[in-house]
Amino acid sequence: MKKDHDLILAMQEVLADVLKEKELNKPELPFPDIKDLRERYHLSQQQFAKLFCVSLKTLQQWEQGRRHPQGPAKVLLQVISKNPQAVLDTLH
């Protein structure tokens, strides 16, 4: 019984180390100033949200700094910033 418990603890430690290492190696993507990005293309909040399939409320919270885009949203904003046509071609 003690061996099983020790084995489980050891496995948990290894798993924690692996997860920590993955987290450390994850690239940190900056996100563009969303309001500037939207205004660069002369879009209202509603137009931008609809065009890129983002909730209007979420867009407003990003622009006001209440929330920050995470994960896939961060990537989407980077692609929109660099090549909006790629996103538009994919969505429409």
PDB file of N, CA and C in Angstrom:
ATOM      1  N   MET A   1       0.824  -1.189   0.000  1.00  0.00           N
ATOM      2  CA  MET A   1       0.000   0.000   0.000  1.00  0.00           C
ATOM      3  C   MET A   1       0.869   1.255   0.000  1.00  0.00           C
ATOM      4  N   LYS A   2       1.920   1.269   0.843  1.00  0.00           N
ATOM      5  CA  LYS A   2       2.821   2.425   0.913  1.00  0.00           C
ATOM      6  C   LYS A   2       3.537   2.616  -0.421  1.00  0.00           C
ATOM      7  N   LYS A   3       3.916   1.505  -1.078  1.00  0.00           N
ATOM      8  CA  LYS A   3       4.588   1.597  -2.368  1.00  0.00           C
ATOM      9  C   LYS A   3       3.670   2.250  -3.401  1.00  0.00           C
ATOM     10  N   ASP A   4       2.400   1.871  -3.398  1.00  0.00           N
ATOM     11  CA  ASP A   4       1.438   2.461  -4.322  1.00  0.00           C
ATOM     12  C   ASP A   4       1.309   3.966  -4.088  1.00  0.00           C
ATOM     13  N   HIS A   5       1.228   4.328  -2.831  1.00  0.00           N
ATOM     14  CA  HIS A   5       1.108   5.750  -2.479  1.00  0.00           C
ATOM     15  C   HIS A   5       2.348   6.519  -2.920  1.00  0.00           C
ATOM     16  N   ASP A   6       3.538   5.943  -2.668  1.00  0.00           N
ATOM     17  CA  ASP A   6       4.787   6.590  -3.075  1.00  0.00           C
ATOM     18  C   ASP A   6       4.869   6.702  -4.597  1.00  0.00           C
ATOM     19  N   LEU A   7       4.431   5.680  -5.290  1.00  0.00           N
ATOM     20  CA  LEU A   7       4.447   5.690  -6.755  1.00  0.00           C
ATOM     21  C   LEU A   7       3.511   6.773  -7.295  1.00  0.00           C
ATOM     22  N   ILE A   8       2.342   6.885  -6.709  1.00  0.00           N
ATOM     23  CA  ILE A   8       1.392   7.918  -7.130  1.00  0.00           C
ATOM     24  C   ILE A   8       1.967   9.305  -6.894  1.00  0.00           C
ATOM     25  N   LEU A   9       2.585   9.530  -5.744  1.00  0.00           N
ATOM     26  CA  LEU A   9       3.202  10.828  -5.456  1.00  0.00           C
ATOM     27  C   LEU A   9       4.318  11.143  -6.447  1.00  0.00           C
ATOM     28  N   ALA A  10       5.130  10.149  -6.758  1.00  0.00           N
ATOM     29  CA  ALA A  10       6.219  10.354  -7.714  1.00  0.00           C
ATOM     30  C   ALA A  10       5.669  10.700  -9.101  1.00  0.00           C
ATOM     31  N   MET A  11       4.628  10.005  -9.512  1.00  0.00           N
ATOM     32  CA  MET A  11       4.010  10.274 -10.815  1.00  0.00           C
ATOM     33  C   MET A  11       3.409  11.677 -10.847  1.00  0.00           C
ATOM     34  N   GLN A  12       2.806  12.097  -9.758  1.00  0.00           N
ATOM     35  CA  GLN A  12       2.239  13.444  -9.689  1.00  0.00           C
ATOM     36  C   GLN A  12       3.332  14.503  -9.800  1.00  0.00           C
ATOM     37  N   GLU A  13       4.473  14.256  -9.168  1.00  0.00           N
ATOM     38  CA  GLU A  13       5.589  15.195  -9.260  1.00  0.00           C
ATOM     39  C   GLU A  13       6.116  15.292 -10.694  1.00  0.00           C
ATOM     40  N   VAL A  14       6.251  14.148 -11.346  1.00  0.00           N
ATOM     41  CA  VAL A  14       6.719  14.138 -12.738  1.00  0.00           C
ATOM     42  C   VAL A  14       5.730  14.873 -13.626  1.00  0.00           C
ATOM     43  N   LEU A  15       4.459  14.607 -13.449  1.00  0.00           N
ATOM     44  CA  LEU A  15       3.432  15.277 -14.239  1.00  0.00           C
ATOM     45  C   LEU A  15       3.470  16.786 -14.012  1.00  0.00           C
ATOM     46  N   ALA A  16       3.623  17.207 -12.788  1.00  0.00           N
ATOM     47  CA  ALA A  16       3.700  18.641 -12.482  1.00  0.00           C
ATOM     48  C   ALA A  16       4.903  19.272 -13.171  1.00  0.00           C
ATOM     49  N   ASP A  17       6.039  18.574 -13.171  1.00  0.00           N
ATOM     50  CA  ASP A  17       7.236  19.085 -13.842  1.00  0.00           C
ATOM     51  C   ASP A  17       7.024  19.194 -15.349  1.00  0.00           C
ATOM     52  N   VAL A  18       6.391  18.190 -15.930  1.00  0.00           N
ATOM     53  CA  VAL A  18       6.129  18.212 -17.377  1.00  0.00           C
ATOM     54  C   VAL A  18       5.205  19.372 -17.726  1.00  0.00           C
ATOM     55  N   LEU A  19       4.151  19.547 -16.958  1.00  0.00           N
ATOM     56  CA  LEU A  19       3.212  20.638 -17.229  1.00  0.00           C
ATOM     57  C   LEU A  19       3.873  21.994 -17.052  1.00  0.00           C
ATOM     58  N   LYS A  20       4.717  22.130 -16.046  1.00  0.00           N
ATOM     59  CA  LYS A  20       5.432  23.386 -15.820  1.00  0.00           C
ATOM     60  C   LYS A  20       6.362  23.676 -17.003  1.00  0.00           C
ATOM     61  N   GLU A  21       7.058  22.667 -17.479  1.00  0.00           N
ATOM     62  CA  GLU A  21       7.973  22.824 -18.615  1.00  0.00           C
ATOM     63  C   GLU A  21       7.206  23.237 -19.868  1.00  0.00           C
ATOM     64  N   LYS A  22       6.063  22.624 -20.110  1.00  0.00           N
ATOM     65  CA  LYS A  22       5.240  22.997 -21.271  1.00  0.00           C
ATOM     66  C   LYS A  22       4.818  24.458 -21.164  1.00  0.00           C
ATOM     67  N   GLU A  23       4.431  24.873 -19.989  1.00  0.00           N
ATOM     68  CA  GLU A  23       3.979  26.245 -19.764  1.00  0.00           C
ATOM     69  C   GLU A  23       5.123  27.224 -20.004  1.00  0.00           C
ATOM     70  N   LEU A  24       6.327  26.871 -19.576  1.00  0.00           N
ATOM     71  CA  LEU A  24       7.488  27.744 -19.761  1.00  0.00           C
ATOM     72  C   LEU A  24       7.872  27.880 -21.229  1.00  0.00           C
ATOM     73  N   ASN A  25       7.634  26.845 -22.016  1.00  0.00           N
ATOM     74  CA  ASN A  25       8.022  26.861 -23.423  1.00  0.00           C
ATOM     75  C   ASN A  25       6.956  27.447 -24.337  1.00  0.00           C
ATOM     76  N   LYS A  26       5.803  27.772 -23.785  1.00  0.00           N
ATOM     77  CA  LYS A  26       4.714  28.314 -24.589  1.00  0.00           C
ATOM     78  C   LYS A  26       5.073  29.739 -25.012  1.00  0.00           C
ATOM     79  N   PRO A  27       4.996  30.031 -26.319  1.00  0.00           N
ATOM     80  CA  PRO A  27       5.354  31.386 -26.752  1.00  0.00           C
ATOM     81  C   PRO A  27       4.360  32.419 -26.231  1.00  0.00           C
ATOM     82  N   GLU A  28       4.870  33.559 -25.867  1.00  0.00           N
ATOM     83  CA  GLU A  28       4.017  34.639 -25.370  1.00  0.00           C
ATOM     84  C   GLU A  28       3.720  35.581 -26.528  1.00  0.00           C
ATOM     85  N   LEU A  29       2.486  35.576 -26.958  1.00  0.00           N
ATOM     86  CA  LEU A  29       2.068  36.457 -28.046  1.00  0.00           C
ATOM     87  C   LEU A  29       1.551  37.769 -27.477  1.00  0.00           C
ATOM     88  N   PRO A  30       2.079  38.852 -27.966  1.00  0.00           N
ATOM     89  CA  PRO A  30       1.484  40.123 -27.560  1.00  0.00           C
ATOM     90  C   PRO A  30       0.160  40.285 -28.298  1.00  0.00           C
ATOM     91  N   PHE A  31      -0.689  41.122 -27.812  1.00  0.00           N
ATOM     92  CA  PHE A  31      -1.897  41.399 -28.572  1.00  0.00           C
ATOM     93  C   PHE A  31      -1.887  42.866 -28.959  1.00  0.00           C
ATOM     94  N   PRO A  32      -2.375  43.137 -30.168  1.00  0.00           N
ATOM     95  CA  PRO A  32      -2.352  44.521 -30.636  1.00  0.00           C
ATOM     96  C   PRO A  32      -3.369  45.370 -29.884  1.00  0.00           C
ATOM     97  N   ASP A  33      -3.201  46.672 -29.982  1.00  0.00           N
ATOM     98  CA  ASP A  33      -4.201  47.592 -29.443  1.00  0.00           C
ATOM     99  C   ASP A  33      -5.446  47.406 -30.303  1.00  0.00           C
ATOM    100  N   ILE A  34      -6.445  46.827 -29.719  1.00  0.00           N
ATOM    101  CA  ILE A  34      -7.619  46.403 -30.483  1.00  0.00           C
ATOM    102  C   ILE A  34      -8.378  47.589 -31.058  1.00  0.00           C
ATOM    103  N   LYS A  35      -8.491  48.646 -30.297  1.00  0.00           N
ATOM    104  CA  LYS A  35      -9.198  49.821 -30.800  1.00  0.00           C
ATOM    105  C   LYS A  35      -8.457  50.411 -32.001  1.00  0.00           C
ATOM    106  N   ASP A  36      -7.138  50.511 -31.895  1.00  0.00           N
ATOM    107  CA  ASP A  36      -6.352  51.008 -33.035  1.00  0.00           C
ATOM    108  C   ASP A  36      -6.508  50.095 -34.234  1.00  0.00           C
ATOM    109  N   LEU A  37      -6.487  48.800 -34.000  1.00  0.00           N
ATOM    110  CA  LEU A  37      -6.650  47.828 -35.079  1.00  0.00           C
ATOM    111  C   LEU A  37      -7.996  48.013 -35.765  1.00  0.00           C
ATOM    112  N   ARG A  38      -9.037  48.119 -34.974  1.00  0.00           N
ATOM    113  CA  ARG A  38     -10.388  48.288 -35.529  1.00  0.00           C
ATOM    114  C   ARG A  38     -10.492  49.589 -36.315  1.00  0.00           C
ATOM    115  N   GLU A  39      -9.932  50.656 -35.752  1.00  0.00           N
ATOM    116  CA  GLU A  39     -10.009  51.963 -36.410  1.00  0.00           C
ATOM    117  C   GLU A  39      -9.149  52.025 -37.677  1.00  0.00           C
ATOM    118  N   ARG A  40      -8.083  51.245 -37.706  1.00  0.00           N
ATOM    119  CA  ARG A  40      -7.228  51.188 -38.898  1.00  0.00           C
ATOM    120  C   ARG A  40      -8.038  50.754 -40.124  1.00  0.00           C
ATOM    121  N   TYR A  41      -9.025  49.907 -39.901  1.00  0.00           N
ATOM    122  CA  TYR A  41      -9.868  49.412 -41.002  1.00  0.00           C
ATOM    123  C   TYR A  41     -11.205  50.142 -41.065  1.00  0.00           C
ATOM    124  N   HIS A  42     -11.310  51.234 -40.316  1.00  0.00           N
ATOM    125  CA  HIS A  42     -12.502  52.087 -40.333  1.00  0.00           C
ATOM    126  C   HIS A  42     -13.777  51.298 -40.053  1.00  0.00           C
ATOM    127  N   LEU A  43     -13.724  50.505 -38.992  1.00  0.00           N
ATOM    128  CA  LEU A  43     -14.870  49.687 -38.608  1.00  0.00           C
ATOM    129  C   LEU A  43     -15.395  50.130 -37.249  1.00  0.00           C
ATOM    130  N   SER A  44     -16.715  50.118 -37.127  1.00  0.00           N
ATOM    131  CA  SER A  44     -17.321  50.353 -35.815  1.00  0.00           C
ATOM    132  C   SER A  44     -17.097  49.095 -34.973  1.00  0.00           C
ATOM    133  N   GLN A  45     -17.351  49.205 -33.681  1.00  0.00           N
ATOM    134  CA  GLN A  45     -17.241  48.021 -32.822  1.00  0.00           C
ATOM    135  C   GLN A  45     -18.167  46.920 -33.317  1.00  0.00           C
ATOM    136  N   GLN A  46     -19.377  47.308 -33.648  1.00  0.00           N
ATOM    137  CA  GLN A  46     -20.356  46.317 -34.100  1.00  0.00           C
ATOM    138  C   GLN A  46     -19.905  45.646 -35.399  1.00  0.00           C
ATOM    139  N   GLN A  47     -19.377  46.426 -36.324  1.00  0.00           N
ATOM    140  CA  GLN A  47     -18.912  45.866 -37.593  1.00  0.00           C
ATOM    141  C   GLN A  47     -17.742  44.900 -37.375  1.00  0.00           C
ATOM    142  N   PHE A  48     -16.780  45.332 -36.566  1.00  0.00           N
ATOM    143  CA  PHE A  48     -15.604  44.498 -36.296  1.00  0.00           C
ATOM    144  C   PHE A  48     -16.024  43.188 -35.640  1.00  0.00           C
ATOM    145  N   ALA A  49     -16.869  43.296 -34.627  1.00  0.00           N
ATOM    146  CA  ALA A  49     -17.326  42.109 -33.904  1.00  0.00           C
ATOM    147  C   ALA A  49     -18.038  41.133 -34.848  1.00  0.00           C
ATOM    148  N   LYS A  50     -18.898  41.645 -35.672  1.00  0.00           N
ATOM    149  CA  LYS A  50     -19.651  40.783 -36.593  1.00  0.00           C
ATOM    150  C   LYS A  50     -18.731  40.188 -37.664  1.00  0.00           C
ATOM    151  N   LEU A  51     -17.854  41.015 -38.206  1.00  0.00           N
ATOM    152  CA  LEU A  51     -16.965  40.583 -39.279  1.00  0.00           C
ATOM    153  C   LEU A  51     -16.039  39.457 -38.839  1.00  0.00           C
ATOM    154  N   PHE A  52     -15.525  39.553 -37.611  1.00  0.00           N
ATOM    155  CA  PHE A  52     -14.545  38.577 -37.142  1.00  0.00           C
ATOM    156  C   PHE A  52     -15.106  37.606 -36.104  1.00  0.00           C
ATOM    157  N   CYS A  53     -16.432  37.537 -35.994  1.00  0.00           N
ATOM    158  CA  CYS A  53     -17.112  36.561 -35.135  1.00  0.00           C
ATOM    159  C   CYS A  53     -16.679  36.651 -33.666  1.00  0.00           C
ATOM    160  N   VAL A  54     -16.625  37.883 -33.171  1.00  0.00           N
ATOM    161  CA  VAL A  54     -16.292  38.134 -31.775  1.00  0.00           C
ATOM    162  C   VAL A  54     -17.520  38.793 -31.153  1.00  0.00           C
ATOM    163  N   SER A  55     -17.829  38.433 -29.939  1.00  0.00           N
ATOM    164  CA  SER A  55     -18.963  39.060 -29.275  1.00  0.00           C
ATOM    165  C   SER A  55     -18.693  40.553 -29.077  1.00  0.00           C
ATOM    166  N   LEU A  56     -19.709  41.360 -29.297  1.00  0.00           N
ATOM    167  CA  LEU A  56     -19.578  42.810 -29.142  1.00  0.00           C
ATOM    168  C   LEU A  56     -19.166  43.153 -27.706  1.00  0.00           C
ATOM    169  N   LYS A  57     -19.763  42.494 -26.749  1.00  0.00           N
ATOM    170  CA  LYS A  57     -19.438  42.755 -25.343  1.00  0.00           C
ATOM    171  C   LYS A  57     -17.968  42.439 -25.057  1.00  0.00           C
ATOM    172  N   THR A  58     -17.489  41.320 -25.581  1.00  0.00           N
ATOM    173  CA  THR A  58     -16.080  40.949 -25.391  1.00  0.00           C
ATOM    174  C   THR A  58     -15.166  41.984 -26.025  1.00  0.00           C
ATOM    175  N   LEU A  59     -15.485  42.405 -27.243  1.00  0.00           N
ATOM    176  CA  LEU A  59     -14.691  43.426 -27.927  1.00  0.00           C
ATOM    177  C   LEU A  59     -14.640  44.708 -27.098  1.00  0.00           C
ATOM    178  N   GLN A  60     -15.766  45.125 -26.590  1.00  0.00           N
ATOM    179  CA  GLN A  60     -15.810  46.342 -25.778  1.00  0.00           C
ATOM    180  C   GLN A  60     -14.955  46.193 -24.514  1.00  0.00           C
ATOM    181  N   GLN A  61     -15.019  45.039 -23.890  1.00  0.00           N
ATOM    182  CA  GLN A  61     -14.217  44.809 -22.684  1.00  0.00           C
ATOM    183  C   GLN A  61     -12.724  44.813 -23.004  1.00  0.00           C
ATOM    184  N   TRP A  62     -12.348  44.265 -24.153  1.00  0.00           N
ATOM    185  CA  TRP A  62     -10.948  44.309 -24.571  1.00  0.00           C
ATOM    186  C   TRP A  62     -10.507  45.755 -24.767  1.00  0.00           C
ATOM    187  N   GLU A  63     -11.318  46.501 -25.490  1.00  0.00           N
ATOM    188  CA  GLU A  63     -10.953  47.882 -25.792  1.00  0.00           C
ATOM    189  C   GLU A  63     -10.862  48.737 -24.537  1.00  0.00           C
ATOM    190  N   GLN A  64     -11.683  48.443 -23.558  1.00  0.00           N
ATOM    191  CA  GLN A  64     -11.692  49.219 -22.320  1.00  0.00           C
ATOM    192  C   GLN A  64     -10.667  48.702 -21.307  1.00  0.00           C
ATOM    193  N   GLY A  65      -9.965  47.642 -21.658  1.00  0.00           N
ATOM    194  CA  GLY A  65      -8.937  47.096 -20.780  1.00  0.00           C
ATOM    195  C   GLY A  65      -9.467  46.300 -19.605  1.00  0.00           C
ATOM    196  N   ARG A  66     -10.756  46.000 -19.604  1.00  0.00           N
ATOM    197  CA  ARG A  66     -11.337  45.203 -18.510  1.00  0.00           C
ATOM    198  C   ARG A  66     -10.942  43.739 -18.615  1.00  0.00           C
ATOM    199  N   ARG A  67     -10.768  43.304 -19.839  1.00  0.00           N
ATOM    200  CA  ARG A  67     -10.351  41.920 -20.102  1.00  0.00           C
ATOM    201  C   ARG A  67      -9.285  41.961 -21.181  1.00  0.00           C
ATOM    202  N   HIS A  68      -8.526  40.878 -21.272  1.00  0.00           N
ATOM    203  CA  HIS A  68      -7.500  40.768 -22.295  1.00  0.00           C
ATOM    204  C   HIS A  68      -7.719  39.477 -23.061  1.00  0.00           C
ATOM    205  N   PRO A  69      -7.523  39.534 -24.364  1.00  0.00           N
ATOM    206  CA  PRO A  69      -7.695  38.315 -25.149  1.00  0.00           C
ATOM    207  C   PRO A  69      -6.707  37.237 -24.705  1.00  0.00           C
ATOM    208  N   GLN A  70      -7.161  36.006 -24.728  1.00  0.00           N
ATOM    209  CA  GLN A  70      -6.344  34.868 -24.332  1.00  0.00           C
ATOM    210  C   GLN A  70      -6.352  33.827 -25.440  1.00  0.00           C
ATOM    211  N   GLY A  71      -5.363  32.996 -25.469  1.00  0.00           N
ATOM    212  CA  GLY A  71      -5.316  31.828 -26.345  1.00  0.00           C
ATOM    213  C   GLY A  71      -5.654  32.121 -27.796  1.00  0.00           C
ATOM    214  N   PRO A  72      -6.647  31.411 -28.337  1.00  0.00           N
ATOM    215  CA  PRO A  72      -6.990  31.555 -29.743  1.00  0.00           C
ATOM    216  C   PRO A  72      -7.395  32.982 -30.129  1.00  0.00           C
ATOM    217  N   ALA A  73      -8.019  33.706 -29.228  1.00  0.00           N
ATOM    218  CA  ALA A  73      -8.411  35.088 -29.531  1.00  0.00           C
ATOM    219  C   ALA A  73      -7.176  35.954 -29.762  1.00  0.00           C
ATOM    220  N   LYS A  74      -6.134  35.715 -28.980  1.00  0.00           N
ATOM    221  CA  LYS A  74      -4.876  36.435 -29.154  1.00  0.00           C
ATOM    222  C   LYS A  74      -4.288  36.164 -30.538  1.00  0.00           C
ATOM    223  N   VAL A  75      -4.312  34.897 -30.921  1.00  0.00           N
ATOM    224  CA  VAL A  75      -3.788  34.508 -32.230  1.00  0.00           C
ATOM    225  C   VAL A  75      -4.633  35.148 -33.331  1.00  0.00           C
ATOM    226  N   LEU A  76      -5.946  35.085 -33.198  1.00  0.00           N
ATOM    227  CA  LEU A  76      -6.834  35.690 -34.181  1.00  0.00           C
ATOM    228  C   LEU A  76      -6.516  37.174 -34.357  1.00  0.00           C
ATOM    229  N   LEU A  77      -6.338  37.886 -33.268  1.00  0.00           N
ATOM    230  CA  LEU A  77      -6.046  39.315 -33.358  1.00  0.00           C
ATOM    231  C   LEU A  77      -4.693  39.573 -34.014  1.00  0.00           C
ATOM    232  N   GLN A  78      -3.723  38.713 -33.778  1.00  0.00           N
ATOM    233  CA  GLN A  78      -2.428  38.860 -34.443  1.00  0.00           C
ATOM    234  C   GLN A  78      -2.573  38.670 -35.953  1.00  0.00           C
ATOM    235  N   VAL A  79      -3.347  37.670 -36.345  1.00  0.00           N
ATOM    236  CA  VAL A  79      -3.552  37.426 -37.778  1.00  0.00           C
ATOM    237  C   VAL A  79      -4.329  38.584 -38.397  1.00  0.00           C
ATOM    238  N   ILE A  80      -5.353  39.064 -37.713  1.00  0.00           N
ATOM    239  CA  ILE A  80      -6.111  40.219 -38.218  1.00  0.00           C
ATOM    240  C   ILE A  80      -5.183  41.419 -38.381  1.00  0.00           C
ATOM    241  N   SER A  81      -4.294  41.596 -37.435  1.00  0.00           N
ATOM    242  CA  SER A  81      -3.364  42.722 -37.472  1.00  0.00           C
ATOM    243  C   SER A  81      -2.412  42.628 -38.663  1.00  0.00           C
ATOM    244  N   LYS A  82      -1.937  41.425 -38.952  1.00  0.00           N
ATOM    245  CA  LYS A  82      -0.936  41.231 -40.008  1.00  0.00           C
ATOM    246  C   LYS A  82      -1.549  40.935 -41.368  1.00  0.00           C
ATOM    247  N   ASN A  83      -2.660  40.190 -41.380  1.00  0.00           N
ATOM    248  CA  ASN A  83      -3.239  39.776 -42.655  1.00  0.00           C
ATOM    249  C   ASN A  83      -4.746  39.541 -42.503  1.00  0.00           C
ATOM    250  N   PRO A  84      -5.515  40.618 -42.399  1.00  0.00           N
ATOM    251  CA  PRO A  84      -6.959  40.450 -42.175  1.00  0.00           C
ATOM    252  C   PRO A  84      -7.654  39.685 -43.301  1.00  0.00           C
ATOM    253  N   GLN A  85      -7.120  39.790 -44.499  1.00  0.00           N
ATOM    254  CA  GLN A  85      -7.756  39.108 -45.627  1.00  0.00           C
ATOM    255  C   GLN A  85      -7.731  37.596 -45.443  1.00  0.00           C
ATOM    256  N   ALA A  86      -6.680  37.079 -44.812  1.00  0.00           N
ATOM    257  CA  ALA A  86      -6.597  35.635 -44.555  1.00  0.00           C
ATOM    258  C   ALA A  86      -7.770  35.181 -43.682  1.00  0.00           C
ATOM    259  N   VAL A  87      -8.096  35.985 -42.680  1.00  0.00           N
ATOM    260  CA  VAL A  87      -9.215  35.643 -41.801  1.00  0.00           C
ATOM    261  C   VAL A  87     -10.526  35.775 -42.549  1.00  0.00           C
ATOM    262  N   LEU A  88     -10.664  36.857 -43.295  1.00  0.00           N
ATOM    263  CA  LEU A  88     -11.898  37.057 -44.069  1.00  0.00           C
ATOM    264  C   LEU A  88     -12.112  35.947 -45.083  1.00  0.00           C
ATOM    265  N   ASP A  89     -11.042  35.532 -45.768  1.00  0.00           N
ATOM    266  CA  ASP A  89     -11.159  34.436 -46.751  1.00  0.00           C
ATOM    267  C   ASP A  89     -11.610  33.151 -46.073  1.00  0.00           C
ATOM    268  N   THR A  90     -11.143  32.922 -44.860  1.00  0.00           N
ATOM    269  CA  THR A  90     -11.490  31.712 -44.127  1.00  0.00           C
ATOM    270  C   THR A  90     -12.931  31.761 -43.638  1.00  0.00           C
ATOM    271  N   LEU A  91     -13.375  32.916 -43.187  1.00  0.00           N
ATOM    272  CA  LEU A  91     -14.708  33.035 -42.594  1.00  0.00           C
ATOM    273  C   LEU A  91     -15.812  33.166 -43.639  1.00  0.00           C
ATOM    274  N   HIS A  92     -15.496  33.712 -44.784  1.00  0.00           N
ATOM    275  CA  HIS A  92     -16.566  34.004 -45.736  1.00  0.00           C
ATOM    276  C   HIS A  92     -16.384  33.308 -47.041  1.00  0.00           C
TER     277      HIS A  92
END
